[in-house]
C-alpha atoms as a PDB file:
ATOM      1  CA  MET A   1     108.096 180.192 195.123  1.00  0.00           C
ATOM      2  CA  ASN A   2     106.639 177.207 193.141  1.00  0.00           C
ATOM      3  CA  ARG A   3     105.901 179.247 190.351  1.00  0.00           C
ATOM      4  CA  GLY A   4     109.751 180.593 190.285  1.00  0.00           C
ATOM      5  CA  PHE A   5     110.947 176.984 190.747  1.00  0.00           C
ATOM      6  CA  ASN A   6     109.063 175.593 187.684  1.00  0.00           C
ATOM      7  CA  LEU A   7     110.415 178.684 185.429  1.00  0.00           C
ATOM      8  CA  LYS A   8     114.000 177.877 186.517  1.00  0.00           C
ATOM      9  CA  TYR A   9     113.119 174.120 185.525  1.00  0.00           C
ATOM     10  CA  LEU A  10     111.618 175.093 182.288  1.00  0.00           C
ATOM     11  CA  LEU A  11     114.828 177.316 181.524  1.00  0.00           C
ATOM     12  CA  LEU A  12     117.106 174.206 182.151  1.00  0.00           C
ATOM     13  CA  ILE A  13     115.072 171.998 179.796  1.00  0.00           C
ATOM     14  CA  VAL A  14     115.204 174.815 177.174  1.00  0.00           C
ATOM     15  CA  ILE A  15     119.098 175.046 177.680  1.00  0.00           C
ATOM     16  CA  ILE A  16     119.603 171.210 177.661  1.00  0.00           C
ATOM     17  CA  PHE A  17     118.063 170.890 174.057  1.00  0.00           C
ATOM     18  CA  MET A  18     119.538 173.848 172.742  1.00  0.00           C
ATOM     19  CA  THR A  19     123.004 172.165 173.590  1.00  0.00           C
ATOM     20  CA  LEU A  20     122.070 169.020 172.198  1.00  0.00           C
ATOM     21  CA  PRO A  21     122.842 169.695 168.783  1.00  0.00           C
ATOM     22  CA  VAL A  22     126.144 171.409 169.687  1.00  0.00           C
ATOM     23  CA  VAL A  23     127.307 168.378 171.423  1.00  0.00           C
ATOM     24  CA  TYR A  24     126.362 166.198 168.319  1.00  0.00           C
ATOM     25  CA  SER A  25     128.456 168.604 166.125  1.00  0.00           C
ATOM     26  CA  GLN A  26     131.383 168.186 168.107  1.00  0.00           C
ATOM     27  CA  GLU A  27     130.995 164.316 167.816  1.00  0.00           C
ATOM     28  CA  ILE A  28     129.946 164.054 164.557  1.00  0.00           C
ATOM     29  CA  ARG A  29     131.056 165.814 161.295  1.00  0.00           C
ATOM     30  CA  LEU A  30     129.195 165.705 158.075  1.00  0.00           C
ATOM     31  CA  LYS A  31     130.542 167.157 155.194  1.00  0.00           C
ATOM     32  CA  SER A  32     129.574 166.916 151.104  1.00  0.00           C
ATOM     33  CA  ALA A  33     131.659 167.677 148.196  1.00  0.00           C
ATOM     34  CA  LEU A  34     131.625 167.496 144.267  1.00  0.00           C
ATOM     35  CA  GLU A  35     135.145 166.877 142.311  1.00  0.00           C
ATOM     36  CA  HIS A  36     134.671 170.298 140.860  1.00  0.00           C
ATOM     37  CA  ASP A  37     132.425 173.290 140.964  1.00  0.00           C
ATOM     38  CA  SER A  38     131.225 173.173 137.245  1.00  0.00           C
ATOM     39  CA  ILE A  39     131.128 170.682 134.431  1.00  0.00           C
ATOM     40  CA  TRP A  40     130.416 170.848 130.946  1.00  0.00           C
ATOM     41  CA  LEU A  41     126.698 169.936 129.674  1.00  0.00           C
ATOM     42  CA  GLY A  42     126.611 165.763 129.749  1.00  0.00           C
ATOM     43  CA  ASP A  43     129.854 165.429 132.034  1.00  0.00           C
ATOM     44  CA  GLN A  44     129.963 162.928 134.846  1.00  0.00           C
ATOM     45  CA  ILE A  45     131.317 163.941 138.305  1.00  0.00           C
ATOM     46  CA  LYS A  46     131.504 162.448 141.615  1.00  0.00           C
ATOM     47  CA  LEU A  47     129.655 163.383 144.603  1.00  0.00           C
ATOM     48  CA  MET A  48     131.055 162.421 147.961  1.00  0.00           C
ATOM     49  CA  VAL A  49     129.612 162.215 151.357  1.00  0.00           C
ATOM     50  CA  VAL A  50     131.894 162.167 154.407  1.00  0.00           C
ATOM     51  CA  VAL A  51     130.850 161.244 158.094  1.00  0.00           C
ATOM     52  CA  GLU A  52     133.461 161.813 161.162  1.00  0.00           C
ATOM     53  CA  GLN A  53     131.642 160.050 164.200  1.00  0.00           C
ATOM     54  CA  ALA A  54     132.898 158.735 167.372  1.00  0.00           C
ATOM     55  CA  ALA A  55     132.879 155.000 167.638  1.00  0.00           C
ATOM     56  CA  GLY A  56     129.618 153.338 169.017  1.00  0.00           C
ATOM     57  CA  THR A  57     127.174 155.969 167.428  1.00  0.00           C
ATOM     58  CA  LYS A  58     124.809 154.743 164.831  1.00  0.00           C
ATOM     59  CA  ILE A  59     124.103 157.066 161.846  1.00  0.00           C
ATOM     60  CA  GLU A  60     121.802 155.986 158.885  1.00  0.00           C
ATOM     61  CA  PHE A  61     122.989 157.494 155.564  1.00  0.00           C
ATOM     62  CA  PRO A  62     119.773 159.110 153.359  1.00  0.00           C
ATOM     63  CA  HIS A  63     118.566 157.345 150.514  1.00  0.00           C
ATOM     64  CA  LEU A  64     118.784 159.718 147.367  1.00  0.00           C
ATOM     65  CA  PRO A  65     116.486 159.441 144.308  1.00  0.00           C
ATOM     66  CA  ASP A  66     117.683 159.002 140.850  1.00  0.00           C
ATOM     67  CA  SER A  67     117.512 162.514 140.342  1.00  0.00           C
ATOM     68  CA  ILE A  68     117.864 165.691 142.594  1.00  0.00           C
ATOM     69  CA  GLN A  69     116.417 168.408 140.833  1.00  0.00           C
ATOM     70  CA  LYS A  70     118.057 168.468 136.954  1.00  0.00           C
ATOM     71  CA  ILE A  71     121.012 166.433 138.391  1.00  0.00           C
ATOM     72  CA  GLU A  72     120.748 162.585 137.658  1.00  0.00           C
ATOM     73  CA  ILE A  73     122.209 159.807 139.915  1.00  0.00           C
ATOM     74  CA  LEU A  74     124.137 157.151 137.446  1.00  0.00           C
ATOM     75  CA  LYS A  75     126.015 155.216 140.142  1.00  0.00           C
ATOM     76  CA  ARG A  76     125.934 154.477 143.959  1.00  0.00           C
ATOM     77  CA  SER A  77     129.077 153.013 145.367  1.00  0.00           C
ATOM     78  CA  LYS A  78     128.899 150.853 148.609  1.00  0.00           C
ATOM     79  CA  ILE A  79     128.809 152.508 152.353  1.00  0.00           C
ATOM     80  CA  ASP A  80     133.003 152.502 153.001  1.00  0.00           C
ATOM     81  CA  THR A  81     134.316 152.853 156.741  1.00  0.00           C
ATOM     82  CA  SER A  82     137.559 153.605 158.117  1.00  0.00           C
ATOM     83  CA  LYS A  83     139.209 154.023 161.163  1.00  0.00           C
ATOM     84  CA  LEU A  84     140.812 157.493 161.785  1.00  0.00           C
ATOM     85  CA  ASP A  85     141.966 156.697 165.269  1.00  0.00           C
ATOM     86  CA  ALA A  86     141.242 154.170 167.840  1.00  0.00           C
ATOM     87  CA  ASN A  87     137.469 156.406 169.258  1.00  0.00           C
ATOM     88  CA  ARG A  88     136.703 157.772 165.608  1.00  0.00           C
ATOM     89  CA  LEU A  89     135.421 156.573 162.300  1.00  0.00           C
ATOM     90  CA  GLN A  90     135.170 157.920 158.799  1.00  0.00           C
ATOM     91  CA  ILE A  91     132.181 156.780 156.515  1.00  0.00           C
ATOM     92  CA  LYS A  92     131.953 157.476 152.980  1.00  0.00           C
ATOM     93  CA  GLN A  93     129.820 157.140 150.110  1.00  0.00           C
ATOM     94  CA  THR A  94     130.309 157.984 147.016  1.00  0.00           C
ATOM     95  CA  TYR A  95     127.643 159.049 143.767  1.00  0.00           C
ATOM     96  CA  LEU A  96     128.160 159.600 140.091  1.00  0.00           C
ATOM     97  CA  VAL A  97     126.362 162.365 138.937  1.00  0.00           C
ATOM     98  CA  THR A  98     125.454 164.098 135.569  1.00  0.00           C
ATOM     99  CA  CYS A  99     123.475 166.918 134.305  1.00  0.00           C
ATOM    100  CA  PHE A 100     121.788 167.632 130.679  1.00  0.00           C
ATOM    101  CA  ASP A 101     120.721 171.291 131.660  1.00  0.00           C
ATOM    102  CA  SER A 102     123.092 174.042 131.703  1.00  0.00           C
ATOM    103  CA  GLY A 103     123.430 176.740 134.768  1.00  0.00           C
ATOM    104  CA  ALA A 104     123.510 176.744 138.050  1.00  0.00           C
ATOM    105  CA  HIS A 105     121.603 173.759 140.133  1.00  0.00           C
ATOM    106  CA  TYR A 106     121.304 173.768 143.809  1.00  0.00           C
ATOM    107  CA  ILE A 107     122.174 170.504 145.903  1.00  0.00           C
ATOM    108  CA  PRO A 108     120.146 171.073 149.189  1.00  0.00           C
ATOM    109  CA  SER A 109     121.775 169.428 152.361  1.00  0.00           C
ATOM    110  CA  PHE A 110     121.229 165.590 153.134  1.00  0.00           C
ATOM    111  CA  TYR A 111     120.080 164.604 156.623  1.00  0.00           C
ATOM    112  CA  PHE A 112     121.463 161.734 158.247  1.00  0.00           C
ATOM    113  CA  LYS A 113     119.584 160.025 161.041  1.00  0.00           C
ATOM    114  CA  ILE A 114     121.560 159.331 164.623  1.00  0.00           C
ATOM    115  CA  LYS A 115     121.143 157.228 167.176  1.00  0.00           C
ATOM    116  CA  ASN A 116     123.291 157.408 170.227  1.00  0.00           C
ATOM    117  CA  GLY A 117     122.301 154.530 172.951  1.00  0.00           C
ATOM    118  CA  ASP A 118     118.293 155.210 173.107  1.00  0.00           C
ATOM    119  CA  HIS A 119     118.445 159.115 172.142  1.00  0.00           C
ATOM    120  CA  LEU A 120     117.433 159.366 168.191  1.00  0.00           C
ATOM    121  CA  ASP A 121     118.346 162.782 166.165  1.00  0.00           C
ATOM    122  CA  SER A 122     119.261 163.824 162.798  1.00  0.00           C
ATOM    123  CA  LEU A 123     121.598 166.231 161.159  1.00  0.00           C
ATOM    124  CA  LYS A 124     122.259 167.344 157.906  1.00  0.00           C
ATOM    125  CA  CYS A 125     125.223 168.465 155.939  1.00  0.00           C
ATOM    126  CA  ASN A 126     126.018 171.340 154.075  1.00  0.00           C
ATOM    127  CA  ASP A 127     124.391 171.924 150.845  1.00  0.00           C
ATOM    128  CA  LEU A 128     126.298 172.372 147.214  1.00  0.00           C
ATOM    129  CA  THR A 129     125.899 174.172 143.727  1.00  0.00           C
ATOM    130  CA  LEU A 130     126.972 172.594 140.426  1.00  0.00           C
ATOM    131  CA  PHE A 131     127.537 174.631 137.895  1.00  0.00           C
ATOM    132  CA  VAL A 132     126.648 173.262 134.393  1.00  0.00           C
ATOM    133  CA  LYS A 133     128.404 175.062 130.831  1.00  0.00           C
ATOM    134  CA  TYR A 134     126.934 174.808 127.717  1.00  0.00           C
ATOM    135  CA  PRO A 135     129.856 174.798 124.935  1.00  0.00           C
ATOM    136  CA  ASN A 136     129.855 177.623 122.605  1.00  0.00           C
ATOM    137  CA  VAL A 137     128.604 176.690 119.194  1.00  0.00           C
ATOM    138  CA  ASP A 138     129.776 178.072 115.982  1.00  0.00           C
ATOM    139  CA  LEU A 139     126.681 178.509 113.793  1.00  0.00           C
ATOM    140  CA  LYS A 140     128.535 178.818 110.760  1.00  0.00           C
ATOM    141  CA  ARG A 141     129.641 175.311 111.387  1.00  0.00           C
ATOM    142  CA  GLY A 142     127.000 173.697 113.164  1.00  0.00           C
ATOM    143  CA  PRO A 143     126.572 171.814 116.352  1.00  0.00           C
ATOM    144  CA  ALA A 144     129.658 169.719 117.356  1.00  0.00           C
ATOM    145  CA  ASP A 145     130.064 166.915 119.856  1.00  0.00           C
ATOM    146  CA  ILE A 146     131.145 168.083 123.353  1.00  0.00           C
ATOM    147  CA  LYS A 147     133.659 165.072 123.455  1.00  0.00           C
ATOM    148  CA  LYS A 148     134.793 163.073 120.509  1.00  0.00           C
ATOM    149  CA  PRO A 149     133.899 159.467 120.676  1.00  0.00           C
ATOM    150  CA  PHE A 150     135.583 156.779 122.938  1.00  0.00           C
ATOM    151  CA  LYS A 151     137.130 154.046 120.758  1.00  0.00           C
ATOM    152  CA  ALA A 152     136.124 150.696 122.369  1.00  0.00           C
ATOM    153  CA  PRO A 153     138.788 147.908 122.748  1.00  0.00           C
ATOM    154  CA  VAL A 154     138.421 145.291 119.671  1.00  0.00           C
ATOM    155  CA  THR A 155     137.342 141.862 121.437  1.00  0.00           C
ATOM    156  CA  PHE A 156     138.179 138.427 120.225  1.00  0.00           C
ATOM    157  CA  LYS A 157     134.585 137.757 119.234  1.00  0.00           C
ATOM    158  CA  GLU A 158     135.228 140.574 116.776  1.00  0.00           C
ATOM    159  CA  ILE A 159     138.476 139.384 115.272  1.00  0.00           C
ATOM    160  CA  ALA A 160     137.484 135.611 115.529  1.00  0.00           C
ATOM    161  CA  PRO A 161     136.014 135.509 111.998  1.00  0.00           C
ATOM    162  CA  TRP A 162     138.571 137.117 110.391  1.00  0.00           C
ATOM    163  CA  LEU A 163     141.348 135.231 112.032  1.00  0.00           C
ATOM    164  CA  LEU A 164     139.422 132.113 111.057  1.00  0.00           C
ATOM    165  CA  GLY A 165     139.245 133.303 107.063  1.00  0.00           C
ATOM    166  CA  ILE A 166     142.893 134.061 106.909  1.00  0.00           C
ATOM    167  CA  ILE A 167     143.707 130.355 108.145  1.00  0.00           C
ATOM    168  CA  LEU A 168     141.254 129.043 105.812  1.00  0.00           C
ATOM    169  CA  LEU A 169     142.692 130.860 102.775  1.00  0.00           C
ATOM    170  CA  ALA A 170     146.294 129.850 103.868  1.00  0.00           C
ATOM    171  CA  ALA A 171     145.054 126.462 103.981  1.00  0.00           C
ATOM    172  CA  ILE A 172     143.578 126.444 100.894  1.00  0.00           C
ATOM    173  CA  VAL A 173     146.508 128.107  99.322  1.00  0.00           C
ATOM    174  CA  PHE A 174     149.404 125.716 100.892  1.00  0.00           C
ATOM    175  CA  LEU A 175     147.145 122.598  99.278  1.00  0.00           C
ATOM    176  CA  VAL A 176     146.934 124.111  95.613  1.00  0.00           C
ATOM    177  CA  ILE A 177     150.892 124.643  95.749  1.00  0.00           C
ATOM    178  CA  TYR A 178     151.332 121.201  97.238  1.00  0.00           C
ATOM    179  CA  ALA A 179     149.066 119.486  95.032  1.00  0.00           C
ATOM    180  CA  ILE A 180     150.800 121.609  91.951  1.00  0.00           C
ATOM    181  CA  SER A 181     154.309 120.333  93.468  1.00  0.00           C
ATOM    182  CA  ARG A 182     153.139 116.801  93.827  1.00  0.00           C
ATOM    183  CA  ARG A 183     151.882 116.759  90.069  1.00  0.00           C
ATOM    184  CA  ASN A 184     155.136 118.130  88.771  1.00  0.00           C
ATOM    185  CA  LYS A 185     157.168 115.440  90.227  1.00  0.00           C
ATOM    186  CA  ASN A 186     154.560 112.575  89.224  1.00  0.00           C
ATOM    187  CA  ARG A 187     153.666 111.955  92.702  1.00  0.00           C
ATOM    188  CA  PRO A 188     150.415 111.323  94.177  1.00  0.00           C
ATOM    189  CA  LEU A 189     148.618 114.091  96.308  1.00  0.00           C
ATOM    190  CA  PHE A 190     148.401 112.045  99.128  1.00  0.00           C
ATOM    191  CA  GLN A 191     151.022 109.241 100.056  1.00  0.00           C
ATOM    192  CA  ARG A 192     150.972 106.880 103.004  1.00  0.00           C
ATOM    193  CA  PRO A 193     154.192 106.817 105.017  1.00  0.00           C
ATOM    194  CA  PRO A 194     156.648 104.207 104.494  1.00  0.00           C
ATOM    195  CA  LYS A 195     156.553 101.548 106.629  1.00  0.00           C
ATOM    196  CA  PRO A 196     159.827 101.366 109.003  1.00  0.00           C
ATOM    197  CA  LYS A 197     162.084  98.678 107.505  1.00  0.00           C
ATOM    198  CA  VAL A 198     162.516  95.802 109.430  1.00  0.00           C
ATOM    199  CA  PRO A 199     166.099  94.986 110.425  1.00  0.00           C
ATOM    200  CA  PRO A 200     167.915  92.416 108.236  1.00  0.00           C
ATOM    201  CA  HIS A 201     168.814  90.106 110.982  1.00  0.00           C
ATOM    202  CA  ILE A 202     165.005  89.743 112.019  1.00  0.00           C
ATOM    203  CA  ILE A 203     164.426  89.213 108.262  1.00  0.00           C
ATOM    204  CA  ALA A 204     167.186  86.694 108.237  1.00  0.00           C
ATOM    205  CA  LEU A 205     166.051  84.780 111.269  1.00  0.00           C
ATOM    206  CA  GLN A 206     162.613  84.475 110.112  1.00  0.00           C
ATOM    207  CA  GLU A 207     163.614  83.236 107.039  1.00  0.00           C
ATOM    208  CA  LEU A 208     166.232  80.583 108.252  1.00  0.00           C
ATOM    209  CA  ASP A 209     162.842  79.053 110.644  1.00  0.00           C
ATOM    210  CA  LYS A 210     161.252  78.860 107.563  1.00  0.00           C
ATOM    211  CA  LEU A 211     163.589  76.672 105.957  1.00  0.00           C
ATOM    212  CA  LYS A 212     164.480  74.370 109.148  1.00  0.00           C
ATOM    213  CA  ASN A 213     160.464  74.265 109.437  1.00  0.00           C
ATOM    214  CA  GLU A 214     160.193  72.912 105.693  1.00  0.00           C
ATOM    215  CA  ASN A 215     162.531  69.790 106.101  1.00  0.00           C
ATOM    216  CA  LEU A 216     164.008  69.778 102.621  1.00  0.00           C
ATOM    217  CA  TRP A 217     167.272  67.825 103.130  1.00  0.00           C
ATOM    218  CA  GLN A 218     165.056  65.130 105.046  1.00  0.00           C
ATOM    219  CA  GLN A 219     162.947  64.724 101.820  1.00  0.00           C
ATOM    220  CA  ASP A 220     166.155  64.563  99.474  1.00  0.00           C
ATOM    221  CA  LYS A 221     166.253  68.015  98.635  1.00  0.00           C
ATOM    222  CA  VAL A 222     169.789  68.517  99.757  1.00  0.00           C
ATOM    223  CA  LYS A 223     170.558  70.908  96.609  1.00  0.00           C
ATOM    224  CA  ASP A 224     167.625  73.006  97.333  1.00  0.00           C
ATOM    225  CA  TYR A 225     168.485  73.076 101.174  1.00  0.00           C
ATOM    226  CA  TYR A 226     171.589  74.743 100.346  1.00  0.00           C
ATOM    227  CA  THR A 227     170.771  77.002  97.888  1.00  0.00           C
ATOM    228  CA  ARG A 228     167.808  78.169 100.179  1.00  0.00           C
ATOM    229  CA  LEU A 229     170.329  78.581 103.010  1.00  0.00           C
ATOM    230  CA  THR A 230     173.258  80.537 100.884  1.00  0.00           C
ATOM    231  CA  ASP A 231     170.343  82.860  99.657  1.00  0.00           C
ATOM    232  CA  ILE A 232     169.175  83.756 103.034  1.00  0.00           C
ATOM    233  CA  VAL A 233     172.936  84.264 104.299  1.00  0.00           C
ATOM    234  CA  ARG A 234     173.944  86.252 101.055  1.00  0.00           C
ATOM    235  CA  VAL A 235     171.139  88.518 101.476  1.00  0.00           C
ATOM    236  CA  TYR A 236     171.725  89.335 104.922  1.00  0.00           C
ATOM    237  CA  ILE A 237     175.342  89.998 104.174  1.00  0.00           C
ATOM    238  CA  GLU A 238     174.064  92.620 101.667  1.00  0.00           C
ATOM    239  CA  GLU A 239     171.820  94.352 103.848  1.00  0.00           C
ATOM    240  CA  ARG A 240     174.073  94.625 106.718  1.00  0.00           C
ATOM    241  CA  PHE A 241     178.098  94.924 105.438  1.00  0.00           C
ATOM    242  CA  ARG A 242     176.657  96.667 102.199  1.00  0.00           C
ATOM    243  CA  MET A 243     178.431  93.732  99.947  1.00  0.00           C
ATOM    244  CA  ALA A 244     177.035  92.653  96.616  1.00  0.00           C
ATOM    245  CA  ALA A 245     176.772  89.226  97.973  1.00  0.00           C
ATOM    246  CA  MET A 246     174.681  87.684  95.430  1.00  0.00           C
ATOM    247  CA  GLU A 247     176.722  88.448  92.273  1.00  0.00           C
ATOM    248  CA  GLN A 248     180.098  87.539  94.277  1.00  0.00           C
ATOM    249  CA  THR A 249     181.726  83.734  94.457  1.00  0.00           C
ATOM    250  CA  THR A 250     182.625  82.503  97.671  1.00  0.00           C
ATOM    251  CA  PRO A 251     186.268  83.672  97.916  1.00  0.00           C
ATOM    252  CA  GLU A 252     185.116  86.859  97.056  1.00  0.00           C
ATOM    253  CA  ILE A 253     182.988  87.332  99.921  1.00  0.00           C
ATOM    254  CA  LEU A 254     185.440  85.853 102.138  1.00  0.00           C
ATOM    255  CA  ASP A 255     188.036  88.617 100.597  1.00  0.00           C
ATOM    256  CA  GLY A 256     185.558  91.141 101.245  1.00  0.00           C
ATOM    257  CA  PHE A 257     185.450  90.682 104.975  1.00  0.00           C
ATOM    258  CA  LYS A 258     189.156  91.189 105.302  1.00  0.00           C
ATOM    259  CA  ASN A 259     188.349  94.858 105.257  1.00  0.00           C
ATOM    260  CA  LEU A 260     185.787  94.849 107.874  1.00  0.00           C
ATOM    261  CA  LYS A 261     187.959  92.891 110.537  1.00  0.00           C
ATOM    262  CA  SER A 262     186.595  95.923 112.890  1.00  0.00           C
ATOM    263  CA  GLN A 263     182.809  94.568 112.175  1.00  0.00           C
ATOM    264  CA  ILE A 264     183.125  90.859 112.605  1.00  0.00           C
ATOM    265  CA  ASP A 265     185.119  88.429 114.003  1.00  0.00           C
ATOM    266  CA  MET A 266     187.363  85.367 112.985  1.00  0.00           C
ATOM    267  CA  LYS A 267     185.115  82.913 114.196  1.00  0.00           C
ATOM    268  CA  SER A 268     181.748  84.507 112.530  1.00  0.00           C
ATOM    269  CA  VAL A 269     184.395  84.152 109.053  1.00  0.00           C
ATOM    270  CA  LEU A 270     184.863  80.534 109.742  1.00  0.00           C
ATOM    271  CA  GLU A 271     181.558  79.888 110.279  1.00  0.00           C
ATOM    272  CA  LEU A 272     180.404  81.430 107.140  1.00  0.00           C
ATOM    273  CA  LYS A 273     183.318  79.950 105.109  1.00  0.00           C
ATOM    274  CA  GLU A 274     181.960  76.439 106.243  1.00  0.00           C
ATOM    275  CA  ILE A 275     178.371  77.127 105.085  1.00  0.00           C
ATOM    276  CA  LEU A 276     179.613  78.689 101.536  1.00  0.00           C
ATOM    277  CA  GLU A 277     182.217  75.894 100.559  1.00  0.00           C
ATOM    278  CA  LEU A 278     179.917  73.244 101.726  1.00  0.00           C
ATOM    279  CA  ALA A 279     176.936  74.516  99.884  1.00  0.00           C
ATOM    280  CA  ASP A 280     179.994  74.859  96.309  1.00  0.00           C
ATOM    281  CA  LEU A 281     180.381  71.477  97.038  1.00  0.00           C
ATOM    282  CA  VAL A 282     176.624  70.317  96.925  1.00  0.00           C
ATOM    283  CA  LYS A 283     175.554  72.371  94.163  1.00  0.00           C
ATOM    284  CA  PHE A 284     178.528  72.224  91.839  1.00  0.00           C
ATOM    285  CA  ALA A 285     180.422  68.702  92.830  1.00  0.00           C
ATOM    286  CA  LYS A 286     177.179  66.951  93.929  1.00  0.00           C
ATOM    287  CA  LEU A 287     178.107  66.161  97.134  1.00  0.00           C
ATOM    288  CA  THR A 288     175.832  64.456  99.553  1.00  0.00           C
ATOM    289  CA  PRO A 289     176.609  65.791 103.078  1.00  0.00           C
ATOM    290  CA  LEU A 290     175.855  63.636 105.762  1.00  0.00           C
ATOM    291  CA  PRO A 291     172.592  64.413 108.063  1.00  0.00           C
ATOM    292  CA  ASP A 292     174.830  65.810 111.071  1.00  0.00           C
ATOM    293  CA  GLU A 293     176.465  68.376 108.571  1.00  0.00           C
ATOM    294  CA  ASN A 294     173.251  69.717 107.159  1.00  0.00           C
ATOM    295  CA  PHE A 295     172.254  70.160 110.679  1.00  0.00           C
ATOM    296  CA  ASN A 296     175.006  72.218 111.586  1.00  0.00           C
ATOM    297  CA  MET A 297     174.942  74.174 108.784  1.00  0.00           C
ATOM    298  CA  LEU A 298     171.826  75.352 109.669  1.00  0.00           C
ATOM    299  CA  ASN A 299     173.252  75.991 113.223  1.00  0.00           C
ATOM    300  CA  ASN A 300     176.215  77.845 111.506  1.00  0.00           C
ATOM    301  CA  ALA A 301     173.897  80.061 109.680  1.00  0.00           C
ATOM    302  CA  TYR A 302     172.125  81.385 113.060  1.00  0.00           C
ATOM    303  CA  LEU A 303     175.415  82.028 115.027  1.00  0.00           C
ATOM    304  CA  PHE A 304     176.431  83.969 112.053  1.00  0.00           C
ATOM    305  CA  VAL A 305     173.589  86.271 111.621  1.00  0.00           C
ATOM    306  CA  LYS A 306     173.206  86.401 115.537  1.00  0.00           C
ATOM    307  CA  GLU A 307     177.143  87.122 116.067  1.00  0.00           C
ATOM    308  CA  THR A 308     177.341  90.170 113.446  1.00  0.00           C
ATOM    309  CA  THR A 309     174.226  92.006 114.102  1.00  0.00           C
ATOM    310  CA  ASP A 310     174.608  95.403 115.261  1.00  0.00           C
ATOM    311  CA  GLU A 311     171.535  95.163 117.689  1.00  0.00           C
ATOM    312  CA  VAL A 312     170.743  92.772 120.855  1.00  0.00           C
ATOM    313  CA  VAL A 313     169.515  89.830 119.953  1.00  0.00           C
ATOM    314  CA  SER A 314     167.720  87.383 122.088  1.00  0.00           C
ATOM    315  CA  GLU A 315     168.875  83.847 122.116  1.00  0.00           C
ATOM    316  CA  VAL A 316     168.311  81.954 118.900  1.00  0.00           C
ATOM    317  CA  PRO A 317     166.636  78.636 119.525  1.00  0.00           C
ATOM    318  CA  GLU A 318     169.200  76.133 118.098  1.00  0.00           C
ATOM    319  CA  PRO A 319     167.483  73.899 115.364  1.00  0.00           C
ATOM    320  CA  GLU A 320     166.465  70.421 116.712  1.00  0.00           C
ATOM    321  CA  LYS A 321     168.600  67.414 115.531  1.00  0.00           C
ATOM    322  CA  PRO A 322     166.564  65.468 113.474  1.00  0.00           C
ATOM    323  CA  GLU A 323     165.965  61.493 114.195  1.00  0.00           C
ATOM    324  CA  ILE A 324     167.723  59.357 111.452  1.00  0.00           C
ATOM    325  CA  LYS A 325     165.539  56.067 111.598  1.00  0.00           C
ATOM    326  CA  ASP A 326     167.888  54.225 108.834  1.00  0.00           C
ATOM    327  CA  GLU A 327     171.106  54.327 109.270  1.00  0.00           C
ATOM    328  CA  THR A 328     173.572  53.275 106.192  1.00  0.00           C
ATOM    329  CA  THR A 329     176.012  51.092 106.920  1.00  0.00           C
ATOM    330  CA  VAL A 330     179.179  51.145 104.488  1.00  0.00           C
ATOM    331  CA  ASP A 331     181.384  48.034 104.049  1.00  0.00           C
ATOM    332  CA  LEU A 332     184.822  49.125 104.172  1.00  0.00           C
ATOM    333  CA  LYS A 333     186.097  45.699 102.774  1.00  0.00           C
ATOM    334  CA  ASP A 334     183.554  46.179  99.164  1.00  0.00           C
ATOM    335  CA  LYS A 335     184.764  49.526  99.072  1.00  0.00           C
ATOM    336  CA  LYS A 336     188.100  48.628  98.687  1.00  0.00           C
ATOM    337  CA  GLU A 337     187.678  45.941  96.203  1.00  0.00           C
ATOM    338  CA  ASP A 338     185.878  48.321  93.999  1.00  0.00           C
ATOM    339  CA  THR A 339     188.463  51.030  94.440  1.00  0.00           C
ATOM    340  CA  GLN A 340     191.338  48.428  93.184  1.00  0.00           C
ATOM    341  CA  LEU A 341     189.081  47.723  90.289  1.00  0.00           C
END
C-alpha cells in the first residue's frame, strides 16, 4: 500500500516538472530573426531578439559576446519594451552584425533566465543560419571593391580655409581697384568723412554773441560795429536764402526778398531794412547813432535770424542794454544860433 502510494507521488512530481516548460511556453514566446538570410562579404545586417511575455514576469536577456563564432557584433541597442495589450508585453533588442568569412554560419539559440515569483527557470529561442556570399572576381581585371566608397559630407571645418582665402583675395582686389581709382582722381587713399555742416542760424547767433561781448560801439568803434553786424547778417542771408548778399547793395537785397514772400514775413524784412539802412548811413555818411539805436540794431539782428530760420530755435537771449554813464546835453539855443550863422 505504501509502495503504491510512493510510486503515484513520484509519478505526479515528474508530470508537474514536464508540464512546466509547456506552461511557460504558453506564457512566453521567444524569437530571433535576421533581416535577410544572406549578405555579401563584409556587409552589415540586423539581428533581432523579440520576447512576448505576460506582465509581471521578469526575463533577463542574454549577454552576447563580441563575436559568435565568425560573426562579429558591431553595435547593441537598448532593450525596448512596449505593450501588446493590457496583460502582455513585448521586449526587443537589436544587434548590428557582420561577417568577413564566406559560407554558412550557425547562430545557436540564446538562453533567457526567467523569474516568476520565487520560481527560477530558463528558456531558449530558435537558432539561425547566416549565409555570407563572396563576390565573383574576374581574374583578368583583378580584385574589386564590394561597394563603392561612400562620399562623406563636406564639413564647415573643411571649407572654412577656402572661404577665408576667397574673402581675403576679394578684399585685396577691392583695395587695389579702390587705390587706382582714388589715384586717378588725385584724391588721398583714405579720407576722413566730412564734418556735418553747422546750420547757418547757429553760426549767425554765435557771431552775434561774440559781437555783443566785444563792446565795439561802447569803445567809439561804431563803424567797425556796424560793418561786423551787417557782415554777419549778409553771410546768414547767403547761406539761408541762397542770395549773393555780400556782393549786393541794400536795395538789391530788399528787392530780392520780394520774390521770397513765402519764406519770410514783412516784419522780418522791416527789421532787416532798419539794420542795413542805418549801417549804410554810418559807413558812408559818417552818422553817429544814439546808444539805443546801436542796441536796437543788434536786437533786430537776433530777431531776424530767429524768425527766418527753417529750424526750431530756442529763445534768443535779449542783448543787455548798456548803462550810459555820461549823458550828453544839447543846448537847442546854441544849436539855433549856429544854424543861423
